[in-house]
């Protein structure tokens, strides 16, 4: 039996939103651009990853958008500043997408704080900064559907929005319309 961590009846919480993606917390920064960044553990970033650090710091929200240009090791990488604040010690970066590698353009995003929250989004196909947050890149949403813009549907209330849905068992509609193609 292998046990990496065993928690019994623990509740965990976070302020803000949560990404399921590659991340890295900055331990050291050198250079003025491109920046050489060292993380306090394994970062998981790859060349051309689009990464963001964002947080409310008491005076306002900082946001730092970088593109990874080289990976020296599991704890060190080089990046250029795309927009926002320069990287700093303590910033937590998360991968939003990748400019060239389609297998690194997706993530899972959970929010209880953003506009139209609460929801869980499955995002894919983010290959440029302007694509993050685009309805076209949200492939699945579970939760509050407000904010989803679709040419043929008008999702409202709480539920599931997806390009495709494969369901087993019984589908019960208590009202509204069920259309089958």
N, C-alpha and C. Protein backbone atom coordinates (compact mmCIF):
# COMPACT_ATOMS: atom_id res chain seq x y z
N UNK A 1 0.84 -1.17 0.00
CA UNK A 1 0.00 0.00 0.00
C UNK A 1 0.89 1.23 0.00
N UNK A 2 0.60 2.17 -0.90
CA UNK A 2 1.32 3.44 -0.96
C UNK A 2 0.38 4.55 -0.55
N UNK A 3 0.79 5.31 0.41
CA UNK A 3 -0.01 6.45 0.86
C UNK A 3 0.86 7.69 0.74
N UNK A 4 0.47 8.62 -0.14
CA UNK A 4 1.22 9.86 -0.31
C UNK A 4 0.80 10.89 0.73
N UNK A 5 -0.48 10.92 1.01
CA UNK A 5 -0.99 11.82 2.04
C UNK A 5 -2.35 11.28 2.45
N UNK A 6 -2.60 11.22 3.71
CA UNK A 6 -3.87 10.74 4.22
C UNK A 6 -4.47 11.82 5.09
N UNK A 7 -5.64 12.30 4.69
CA UNK A 7 -6.35 13.31 5.46
C UNK A 7 -7.69 12.72 5.87
N UNK A 8 -8.03 12.90 7.10
CA UNK A 8 -9.29 12.39 7.61
C UNK A 8 -10.15 13.55 8.03
N UNK A 9 -11.28 13.71 7.38
CA UNK A 9 -12.28 14.72 7.68
C UNK A 9 -11.70 16.13 7.75
N UNK A 10 -10.87 16.47 6.81
CA UNK A 10 -10.32 17.82 6.75
C UNK A 10 -11.07 18.63 5.70
N UNK A 11 -11.35 19.87 6.02
CA UNK A 11 -11.94 20.79 5.07
C UNK A 11 -10.86 21.77 4.66
N UNK A 12 -10.67 21.94 3.36
CA UNK A 12 -9.70 22.90 2.86
C UNK A 12 -10.44 24.02 2.17
N UNK A 13 -9.84 25.18 2.15
CA UNK A 13 -10.48 26.34 1.53
C UNK A 13 -9.42 27.23 0.90
N UNK A 14 -9.86 28.09 0.02
CA UNK A 14 -8.98 29.06 -0.60
C UNK A 14 -9.76 30.33 -0.85
N UNK A 15 -9.08 31.44 -0.86
CA UNK A 15 -9.68 32.69 -1.31
C UNK A 15 -9.49 32.76 -2.81
N UNK A 16 -10.48 33.28 -3.52
CA UNK A 16 -10.33 33.43 -4.96
C UNK A 16 -10.73 32.18 -5.70
N UNK A 17 -10.02 31.93 -6.79
CA UNK A 17 -10.34 30.83 -7.68
C UNK A 17 -9.20 29.82 -7.70
N UNK A 18 -9.48 28.63 -8.24
CA UNK A 18 -8.50 27.57 -8.26
C UNK A 18 -8.34 27.05 -9.69
N UNK A 19 -7.09 26.88 -10.11
CA UNK A 19 -6.77 26.26 -11.39
C UNK A 19 -6.27 24.86 -11.15
N UNK A 20 -6.63 23.95 -12.04
CA UNK A 20 -5.97 22.66 -12.11
C UNK A 20 -5.15 22.75 -13.39
N UNK A 21 -3.85 22.98 -13.20
CA UNK A 21 -2.92 23.22 -14.30
C UNK A 21 -1.52 23.20 -13.70
N UNK A 22 -0.50 23.45 -14.51
CA UNK A 22 0.86 23.54 -13.99
C UNK A 22 1.01 24.84 -13.21
N UNK A 23 1.76 24.78 -12.10
CA UNK A 23 1.95 25.97 -11.27
C UNK A 23 3.38 26.02 -10.76
N UNK A 24 3.75 27.19 -10.28
CA UNK A 24 5.05 27.35 -9.64
C UNK A 24 5.08 28.61 -8.82
N UNK A 25 5.58 28.51 -7.58
CA UNK A 25 5.72 29.67 -6.70
C UNK A 25 7.16 30.16 -6.79
N UNK A 26 7.35 31.44 -7.07
CA UNK A 26 8.66 32.01 -7.33
C UNK A 26 9.45 32.19 -6.04
N UNK A 27 10.67 31.63 -6.05
CA UNK A 27 11.59 31.75 -4.91
C UNK A 27 12.67 32.80 -5.17
N UNK A 28 13.14 32.90 -6.44
CA UNK A 28 14.14 33.91 -6.79
C UNK A 28 13.85 34.43 -8.20
N UNK A 29 14.22 35.69 -8.43
CA UNK A 29 14.08 36.33 -9.73
C UNK A 29 15.39 37.00 -10.06
N UNK A 30 15.90 36.78 -11.27
CA UNK A 30 17.08 37.52 -11.71
C UNK A 30 16.85 38.00 -13.13
N UNK A 31 17.49 39.12 -13.47
CA UNK A 31 17.34 39.72 -14.79
C UNK A 31 16.24 40.76 -14.78
N UNK A 32 16.23 41.52 -15.88
CA UNK A 32 15.20 42.55 -16.04
C UNK A 32 14.36 42.30 -17.28
N UNK A 33 14.45 41.13 -17.82
CA UNK A 33 13.70 40.72 -18.99
C UNK A 33 14.63 40.40 -20.14
N UNK A 34 14.73 39.14 -20.54
CA UNK A 34 13.98 38.03 -19.96
C UNK A 34 14.42 37.75 -18.51
N UNK A 35 13.51 37.15 -17.77
CA UNK A 35 13.73 36.86 -16.36
C UNK A 35 14.10 35.40 -16.18
N UNK A 36 15.04 35.14 -15.28
CA UNK A 36 15.33 33.78 -14.86
C UNK A 36 14.65 33.60 -13.52
N UNK A 37 13.77 32.62 -13.45
CA UNK A 37 12.94 32.40 -12.26
C UNK A 37 13.21 31.02 -11.68
N UNK A 38 13.35 30.98 -10.37
CA UNK A 38 13.51 29.71 -9.66
C UNK A 38 12.29 29.53 -8.77
N UNK A 39 11.75 28.33 -8.77
CA UNK A 39 10.58 28.04 -7.95
C UNK A 39 10.98 27.29 -6.69
N UNK A 40 10.09 27.28 -5.71
CA UNK A 40 10.40 26.59 -4.45
C UNK A 40 10.07 25.11 -4.52
N UNK A 41 9.72 24.62 -5.68
CA UNK A 41 9.45 23.20 -5.92
C UNK A 41 9.27 23.00 -7.40
N UNK A 42 8.86 21.82 -7.81
CA UNK A 42 8.67 21.49 -9.21
C UNK A 42 7.62 22.41 -9.82
N UNK A 43 7.93 23.03 -10.96
CA UNK A 43 6.99 23.96 -11.59
C UNK A 43 6.15 23.33 -12.71
N UNK A 44 6.68 22.44 -13.48
CA UNK A 44 5.91 21.79 -14.54
C UNK A 44 5.71 22.62 -15.79
N UNK A 45 6.37 23.78 -15.92
CA UNK A 45 6.21 24.61 -17.10
C UNK A 45 7.05 24.10 -18.26
N UNK A 46 6.63 24.47 -19.49
CA UNK A 46 7.34 24.09 -20.71
C UNK A 46 7.49 25.34 -21.58
N UNK A 47 8.37 25.24 -22.55
CA UNK A 47 8.60 26.35 -23.48
C UNK A 47 7.28 26.73 -24.16
N UNK A 48 7.04 28.02 -24.26
CA UNK A 48 5.85 28.65 -24.86
C UNK A 48 4.60 28.59 -24.00
N UNK A 49 4.72 28.16 -22.75
CA UNK A 49 3.59 28.25 -21.84
C UNK A 49 3.27 29.71 -21.57
N UNK A 50 1.98 30.01 -21.51
CA UNK A 50 1.48 31.32 -21.12
C UNK A 50 1.10 31.21 -19.66
N UNK A 51 1.79 31.95 -18.79
CA UNK A 51 1.57 31.79 -17.35
C UNK A 51 1.17 33.13 -16.72
N UNK A 52 0.36 33.06 -15.69
CA UNK A 52 -0.14 34.26 -15.02
C UNK A 52 -0.05 34.11 -13.51
N UNK A 53 0.34 35.20 -12.85
CA UNK A 53 0.23 35.34 -11.40
C UNK A 53 -0.73 36.50 -11.17
N UNK A 54 -1.66 36.32 -10.26
CA UNK A 54 -2.63 37.37 -9.96
C UNK A 54 -3.10 37.23 -8.53
N UNK A 55 -3.17 38.36 -7.83
CA UNK A 55 -3.60 38.30 -6.44
C UNK A 55 -3.91 39.70 -5.93
N UNK A 56 -4.84 39.77 -5.01
CA UNK A 56 -5.11 41.01 -4.28
C UNK A 56 -4.07 41.11 -3.18
N UNK A 57 -3.35 42.22 -3.12
CA UNK A 57 -2.26 42.35 -2.15
C UNK A 57 -2.54 43.38 -1.05
N UNK A 58 -3.78 43.80 -0.90
CA UNK A 58 -4.14 44.78 0.12
C UNK A 58 -4.27 46.18 -0.45
N UNK A 59 -3.46 46.50 -1.45
CA UNK A 59 -3.51 47.81 -2.09
C UNK A 59 -4.20 47.75 -3.44
N UNK A 60 -4.38 46.58 -3.96
CA UNK A 60 -4.97 46.38 -5.28
C UNK A 60 -4.63 45.00 -5.79
N UNK A 61 -4.93 44.78 -7.05
CA UNK A 61 -4.66 43.48 -7.65
C UNK A 61 -3.43 43.59 -8.54
N UNK A 62 -2.44 42.72 -8.28
CA UNK A 62 -1.32 42.65 -9.21
C UNK A 62 -1.62 41.53 -10.20
N UNK A 63 -1.13 41.70 -11.41
CA UNK A 63 -1.25 40.67 -12.43
C UNK A 63 0.03 40.68 -13.24
N UNK A 64 0.62 39.51 -13.42
CA UNK A 64 1.86 39.36 -14.16
C UNK A 64 1.68 38.25 -15.18
N UNK A 65 1.78 38.61 -16.47
CA UNK A 65 1.61 37.65 -17.56
C UNK A 65 2.95 37.42 -18.24
N UNK A 66 3.41 36.17 -18.23
CA UNK A 66 4.70 35.81 -18.80
C UNK A 66 4.53 34.72 -19.85
N UNK A 67 5.53 34.65 -20.76
CA UNK A 67 5.63 33.51 -21.67
C UNK A 67 6.96 32.83 -21.40
N UNK A 68 6.92 31.53 -21.15
CA UNK A 68 8.13 30.76 -20.86
C UNK A 68 8.93 30.61 -22.15
N UNK A 69 10.23 30.94 -22.09
CA UNK A 69 11.09 30.86 -23.29
C UNK A 69 12.12 29.74 -23.19
N UNK A 70 12.43 29.28 -21.98
CA UNK A 70 13.38 28.18 -21.80
C UNK A 70 13.14 27.54 -20.45
N UNK A 71 13.45 26.25 -20.36
CA UNK A 71 13.33 25.52 -19.09
C UNK A 71 14.68 24.89 -18.81
N UNK A 72 15.33 25.35 -17.73
CA UNK A 72 16.66 24.85 -17.37
C UNK A 72 16.57 23.59 -16.53
N UNK A 73 15.55 23.52 -15.66
CA UNK A 73 15.39 22.37 -14.77
C UNK A 73 13.97 22.36 -14.24
N UNK A 74 13.69 21.40 -13.39
CA UNK A 74 12.35 21.28 -12.81
C UNK A 74 12.03 22.42 -11.85
N UNK A 75 13.04 23.22 -11.49
CA UNK A 75 12.82 24.34 -10.57
C UNK A 75 13.27 25.68 -11.14
N UNK A 76 13.72 25.71 -12.40
CA UNK A 76 14.19 26.97 -12.98
C UNK A 76 13.75 27.10 -14.44
N UNK A 77 13.30 28.31 -14.79
CA UNK A 77 12.90 28.59 -16.16
C UNK A 77 13.14 30.06 -16.47
N UNK A 78 13.11 30.38 -17.76
CA UNK A 78 13.28 31.75 -18.23
C UNK A 78 11.99 32.16 -18.91
N UNK A 79 11.59 33.43 -18.71
CA UNK A 79 10.35 33.92 -19.29
C UNK A 79 10.45 35.39 -19.63
N UNK A 80 9.62 35.81 -20.58
CA UNK A 80 9.53 37.22 -20.93
C UNK A 80 8.18 37.76 -20.45
N UNK A 81 8.18 39.03 -20.10
CA UNK A 81 6.96 39.69 -19.63
C UNK A 81 6.10 40.05 -20.82
N UNK A 82 4.87 39.59 -20.83
CA UNK A 82 3.92 39.95 -21.88
C UNK A 82 3.18 41.23 -21.49
N UNK A 83 2.65 41.25 -20.25
CA UNK A 83 1.94 42.43 -19.77
C UNK A 83 1.85 42.40 -18.24
N UNK A 84 1.54 43.53 -17.66
CA UNK A 84 1.34 43.62 -16.22
C UNK A 84 2.62 43.83 -15.46
N UNK A 85 2.63 43.33 -14.24
CA UNK A 85 3.74 43.54 -13.31
C UNK A 85 4.89 42.58 -13.58
N UNK A 86 6.10 43.05 -13.31
CA UNK A 86 7.28 42.20 -13.41
C UNK A 86 7.18 41.09 -12.37
N UNK A 87 7.75 39.93 -12.64
CA UNK A 87 7.68 38.84 -11.66
C UNK A 87 8.41 39.21 -10.38
N UNK A 88 7.94 38.64 -9.27
CA UNK A 88 8.54 38.92 -7.96
C UNK A 88 8.50 37.66 -7.10
N UNK A 89 9.36 37.64 -6.11
CA UNK A 89 9.40 36.52 -5.17
C UNK A 89 8.03 36.38 -4.50
N UNK A 90 7.57 35.16 -4.43
CA UNK A 90 6.29 34.87 -3.80
C UNK A 90 5.12 34.79 -4.78
N UNK A 91 5.30 35.24 -6.01
CA UNK A 91 4.22 35.14 -6.99
C UNK A 91 3.97 33.67 -7.32
N UNK A 92 2.69 33.31 -7.37
CA UNK A 92 2.27 31.97 -7.77
C UNK A 92 1.80 32.04 -9.22
N UNK A 93 2.51 31.37 -10.12
CA UNK A 93 2.14 31.36 -11.53
C UNK A 93 1.38 30.09 -11.87
N UNK A 94 0.44 30.23 -12.80
CA UNK A 94 -0.35 29.10 -13.29
C UNK A 94 -0.34 29.15 -14.82
N UNK A 95 -0.33 27.97 -15.44
CA UNK A 95 -0.36 27.91 -16.90
C UNK A 95 -1.78 28.09 -17.40
N UNK A 96 -1.99 29.10 -18.28
CA UNK A 96 -3.28 29.32 -18.91
C UNK A 96 -3.37 28.66 -20.27
N UNK A 97 -2.23 28.52 -20.94
CA UNK A 97 -2.22 27.94 -22.28
C UNK A 97 -0.79 27.80 -22.78
N UNK A 98 -0.66 27.56 -24.08
CA UNK A 98 0.65 27.41 -24.71
C UNK A 98 0.50 27.83 -26.17
N UNK A 99 1.47 28.56 -26.69
CA UNK A 99 1.35 29.09 -28.05
C UNK A 99 1.51 28.04 -29.14
N UNK A 100 2.14 26.90 -28.85
CA UNK A 100 2.42 25.92 -29.89
C UNK A 100 1.97 24.49 -29.59
N UNK A 101 1.88 24.10 -28.35
CA UNK A 101 1.60 22.72 -27.97
C UNK A 101 0.13 22.56 -27.55
N UNK A 102 -0.68 21.96 -28.42
CA UNK A 102 -2.12 21.82 -28.16
C UNK A 102 -2.42 21.03 -26.89
N UNK A 103 -1.53 20.14 -26.49
CA UNK A 103 -1.78 19.34 -25.28
C UNK A 103 -1.56 20.16 -24.00
N UNK A 104 -1.06 21.40 -24.14
CA UNK A 104 -0.83 22.26 -22.97
C UNK A 104 -1.71 23.51 -23.02
N UNK A 105 -2.80 23.44 -23.76
CA UNK A 105 -3.67 24.61 -23.93
C UNK A 105 -4.96 24.53 -23.13
N UNK A 106 -5.05 23.56 -22.23
CA UNK A 106 -6.28 23.39 -21.47
C UNK A 106 -6.05 23.44 -19.96
N UNK A 107 -7.14 23.66 -19.24
CA UNK A 107 -7.10 23.69 -17.78
C UNK A 107 -8.50 23.52 -17.23
N UNK A 108 -8.57 23.31 -15.94
CA UNK A 108 -9.84 23.29 -15.22
C UNK A 108 -9.81 24.49 -14.28
N UNK A 109 -10.88 25.27 -14.30
CA UNK A 109 -10.94 26.51 -13.53
C UNK A 109 -12.18 26.49 -12.65
N UNK A 110 -11.99 26.63 -11.35
CA UNK A 110 -13.10 26.64 -10.40
C UNK A 110 -13.18 28.02 -9.77
N UNK A 111 -14.36 28.62 -9.75
CA UNK A 111 -14.49 29.94 -9.16
C UNK A 111 -15.77 30.09 -8.36
N UNK A 112 -15.64 30.68 -7.20
CA UNK A 112 -16.78 31.09 -6.40
C UNK A 112 -16.80 32.61 -6.26
N UNK A 113 -15.81 33.30 -6.87
CA UNK A 113 -15.67 34.74 -6.71
C UNK A 113 -15.84 35.54 -7.99
N UNK A 114 -15.55 34.97 -9.15
CA UNK A 114 -15.60 35.73 -10.39
C UNK A 114 -17.03 36.14 -10.74
N UNK A 115 -17.14 37.05 -11.70
CA UNK A 115 -18.45 37.41 -12.22
C UNK A 115 -19.13 36.14 -12.71
N UNK A 116 -20.41 36.01 -12.40
CA UNK A 116 -21.26 34.87 -12.77
C UNK A 116 -20.95 33.59 -11.98
N UNK A 117 -20.09 33.65 -10.98
CA UNK A 117 -19.78 32.48 -10.17
C UNK A 117 -21.00 32.07 -9.35
N UNK A 118 -21.05 30.85 -8.88
CA UNK A 118 -20.03 29.80 -8.89
C UNK A 118 -20.13 28.90 -10.12
N UNK A 119 -18.98 28.41 -10.56
CA UNK A 119 -18.94 27.51 -11.70
C UNK A 119 -17.60 26.79 -11.76
N UNK A 120 -17.60 25.71 -12.55
CA UNK A 120 -16.38 24.99 -12.91
C UNK A 120 -16.31 25.01 -14.43
N UNK A 121 -15.21 25.51 -14.98
CA UNK A 121 -15.02 25.55 -16.42
C UNK A 121 -13.92 24.59 -16.85
N UNK A 122 -14.15 23.90 -17.95
CA UNK A 122 -13.11 23.15 -18.64
C UNK A 122 -12.76 24.02 -19.85
N UNK A 123 -11.52 24.46 -19.91
CA UNK A 123 -11.07 25.38 -20.95
C UNK A 123 -10.04 24.66 -21.80
N UNK A 124 -10.10 24.87 -23.12
CA UNK A 124 -9.11 24.24 -23.99
C UNK A 124 -8.91 25.08 -25.24
N UNK A 125 -7.71 24.97 -25.83
CA UNK A 125 -7.40 25.67 -27.07
C UNK A 125 -6.83 27.06 -26.87
N UNK A 126 -6.33 27.38 -25.67
CA UNK A 126 -5.78 28.71 -25.41
C UNK A 126 -4.34 28.76 -25.94
N UNK A 127 -4.17 29.45 -27.08
CA UNK A 127 -2.85 29.55 -27.70
C UNK A 127 -2.34 30.99 -27.78
N UNK A 128 -3.14 31.93 -27.26
CA UNK A 128 -2.74 33.34 -27.26
C UNK A 128 -3.39 34.02 -26.06
N UNK A 129 -2.79 35.10 -25.59
CA UNK A 129 -3.30 35.79 -24.40
C UNK A 129 -4.74 36.24 -24.56
N UNK A 130 -5.10 36.74 -25.72
CA UNK A 130 -6.45 37.24 -25.94
C UNK A 130 -7.52 36.16 -25.91
N UNK A 131 -7.12 34.91 -25.98
CA UNK A 131 -8.09 33.81 -25.98
C UNK A 131 -8.53 33.40 -24.58
N UNK A 132 -7.73 33.72 -23.56
CA UNK A 132 -8.10 33.33 -22.20
C UNK A 132 -9.36 34.09 -21.81
N UNK A 133 -10.35 33.40 -21.30
CA UNK A 133 -11.61 34.01 -20.89
C UNK A 133 -12.63 34.08 -22.01
N UNK A 134 -12.27 33.63 -23.21
CA UNK A 134 -13.16 33.66 -24.36
C UNK A 134 -14.19 32.53 -24.25
N UNK A 135 -15.44 32.84 -24.59
CA UNK A 135 -16.48 31.81 -24.60
C UNK A 135 -16.12 30.66 -25.53
N UNK A 136 -15.42 30.96 -26.61
CA UNK A 136 -15.06 29.92 -27.58
C UNK A 136 -14.11 28.89 -26.98
N UNK A 137 -13.38 29.26 -25.94
CA UNK A 137 -12.42 28.34 -25.32
C UNK A 137 -13.02 27.60 -24.12
N UNK A 138 -14.18 28.02 -23.64
CA UNK A 138 -14.87 27.30 -22.56
C UNK A 138 -15.62 26.14 -23.20
N UNK A 139 -15.13 24.94 -22.98
CA UNK A 139 -15.71 23.75 -23.60
C UNK A 139 -16.82 23.15 -22.76
N UNK A 140 -16.72 23.29 -21.43
CA UNK A 140 -17.74 22.78 -20.52
C UNK A 140 -17.87 23.74 -19.35
N UNK A 141 -19.10 24.01 -18.93
CA UNK A 141 -19.32 24.75 -17.69
C UNK A 141 -20.35 24.00 -16.88
N UNK A 142 -20.05 23.83 -15.61
CA UNK A 142 -20.97 23.24 -14.65
C UNK A 142 -21.17 24.28 -13.56
N UNK A 143 -22.42 24.64 -13.31
CA UNK A 143 -22.70 25.65 -12.29
C UNK A 143 -23.59 26.73 -12.87
N UNK A 144 -23.35 27.97 -12.47
CA UNK A 144 -24.13 29.08 -12.96
C UNK A 144 -23.75 29.34 -14.42
N UNK A 145 -24.74 29.36 -15.30
CA UNK A 145 -24.50 29.45 -16.73
C UNK A 145 -24.51 30.88 -17.27
N UNK A 146 -24.83 31.85 -16.43
CA UNK A 146 -24.81 33.25 -16.87
C UNK A 146 -23.42 33.58 -17.40
N UNK A 147 -23.36 34.39 -18.44
CA UNK A 147 -22.08 34.76 -19.02
C UNK A 147 -21.68 33.91 -20.20
N UNK A 148 -22.31 32.76 -20.39
CA UNK A 148 -22.04 31.93 -21.56
C UNK A 148 -22.81 32.53 -22.74
N UNK A 149 -22.10 32.84 -23.80
CA UNK A 149 -22.72 33.38 -25.01
C UNK A 149 -22.65 32.32 -26.09
N UNK A 150 -23.80 31.97 -26.65
CA UNK A 150 -23.89 30.93 -27.66
C UNK A 150 -24.82 31.41 -28.77
N UNK A 151 -24.47 31.16 -30.02
CA UNK A 151 -25.25 31.64 -31.16
C UNK A 151 -26.64 30.99 -31.24
N UNK A 152 -26.80 29.77 -30.74
CA UNK A 152 -28.09 29.08 -30.87
C UNK A 152 -28.79 28.82 -29.54
N UNK A 153 -28.05 28.82 -28.44
CA UNK A 153 -28.64 28.55 -27.14
C UNK A 153 -28.60 29.80 -26.27
N UNK A 154 -29.46 29.85 -25.29
CA UNK A 154 -29.45 30.94 -24.31
C UNK A 154 -29.40 30.33 -22.92
N UNK A 155 -28.21 29.81 -22.52
CA UNK A 155 -28.14 29.13 -21.22
C UNK A 155 -28.41 30.08 -20.07
N UNK A 156 -29.27 29.66 -19.15
CA UNK A 156 -29.60 30.47 -17.98
C UNK A 156 -29.67 29.56 -16.76
N UNK A 157 -29.67 30.17 -15.60
CA UNK A 157 -29.79 29.43 -14.36
C UNK A 157 -28.54 28.60 -14.08
N UNK A 158 -28.73 27.47 -13.41
CA UNK A 158 -27.64 26.55 -13.08
C UNK A 158 -27.79 25.29 -13.90
N UNK A 159 -26.67 24.72 -14.31
CA UNK A 159 -26.76 23.49 -15.09
C UNK A 159 -25.44 23.14 -15.73
N UNK A 160 -25.53 22.48 -16.88
CA UNK A 160 -24.37 21.99 -17.62
C UNK A 160 -24.43 22.56 -19.02
N UNK A 161 -23.32 23.16 -19.45
CA UNK A 161 -23.18 23.66 -20.82
C UNK A 161 -21.97 22.95 -21.41
N UNK A 162 -22.13 22.40 -22.63
CA UNK A 162 -21.04 21.65 -23.22
C UNK A 162 -21.22 21.57 -24.73
N UNK A 163 -20.11 21.36 -25.44
CA UNK A 163 -20.18 21.10 -26.87
C UNK A 163 -20.94 19.79 -27.12
N UNK A 164 -20.69 18.80 -26.30
CA UNK A 164 -21.31 17.49 -26.43
C UNK A 164 -21.65 16.97 -25.05
N UNK A 165 -22.65 16.11 -24.99
CA UNK A 165 -22.99 15.45 -23.73
C UNK A 165 -23.38 14.01 -24.05
N UNK A 166 -22.77 13.08 -23.37
CA UNK A 166 -23.09 11.67 -23.51
C UNK A 166 -23.62 11.23 -22.16
N UNK A 167 -24.87 10.86 -22.13
CA UNK A 167 -25.54 10.52 -20.89
C UNK A 167 -26.03 9.09 -20.94
N UNK A 168 -25.97 8.41 -19.81
CA UNK A 168 -26.52 7.06 -19.69
C UNK A 168 -27.66 7.11 -18.69
N UNK A 169 -28.54 6.19 -18.85
CA UNK A 169 -29.63 6.10 -17.88
C UNK A 169 -30.82 6.92 -18.30
N UNK A 170 -31.52 7.44 -17.34
CA UNK A 170 -32.77 8.14 -17.56
C UNK A 170 -32.52 9.63 -17.63
N UNK A 171 -33.14 10.27 -18.60
CA UNK A 171 -33.10 11.72 -18.70
C UNK A 171 -34.51 12.20 -18.37
N UNK A 172 -34.62 12.98 -17.30
CA UNK A 172 -35.92 13.46 -16.84
C UNK A 172 -35.95 14.96 -17.02
N UNK A 173 -36.98 15.44 -17.71
CA UNK A 173 -37.16 16.88 -17.88
C UNK A 173 -38.43 17.26 -17.14
N UNK A 174 -38.31 18.10 -16.13
CA UNK A 174 -39.45 18.52 -15.34
C UNK A 174 -40.19 19.67 -15.98
N UNK A 175 -39.69 20.16 -17.05
CA UNK A 175 -40.32 21.28 -17.76
C UNK A 175 -39.37 21.74 -18.84
N UNK A 176 -39.79 22.68 -19.61
CA UNK A 176 -38.92 23.18 -20.67
C UNK A 176 -38.99 22.32 -21.89
N UNK A 177 -37.92 22.30 -22.65
CA UNK A 177 -37.89 21.63 -23.95
C UNK A 177 -36.72 20.67 -24.03
N UNK A 178 -36.96 19.50 -24.52
CA UNK A 178 -35.90 18.54 -24.83
C UNK A 178 -35.98 18.30 -26.32
N UNK A 179 -34.93 18.67 -27.04
CA UNK A 179 -34.89 18.50 -28.49
C UNK A 179 -33.82 17.49 -28.84
N UNK A 180 -34.16 16.50 -29.61
CA UNK A 180 -33.21 15.50 -30.04
C UNK A 180 -33.04 15.61 -31.54
N UNK A 181 -31.78 15.62 -31.98
CA UNK A 181 -31.50 15.69 -33.42
C UNK A 181 -31.46 14.30 -34.01
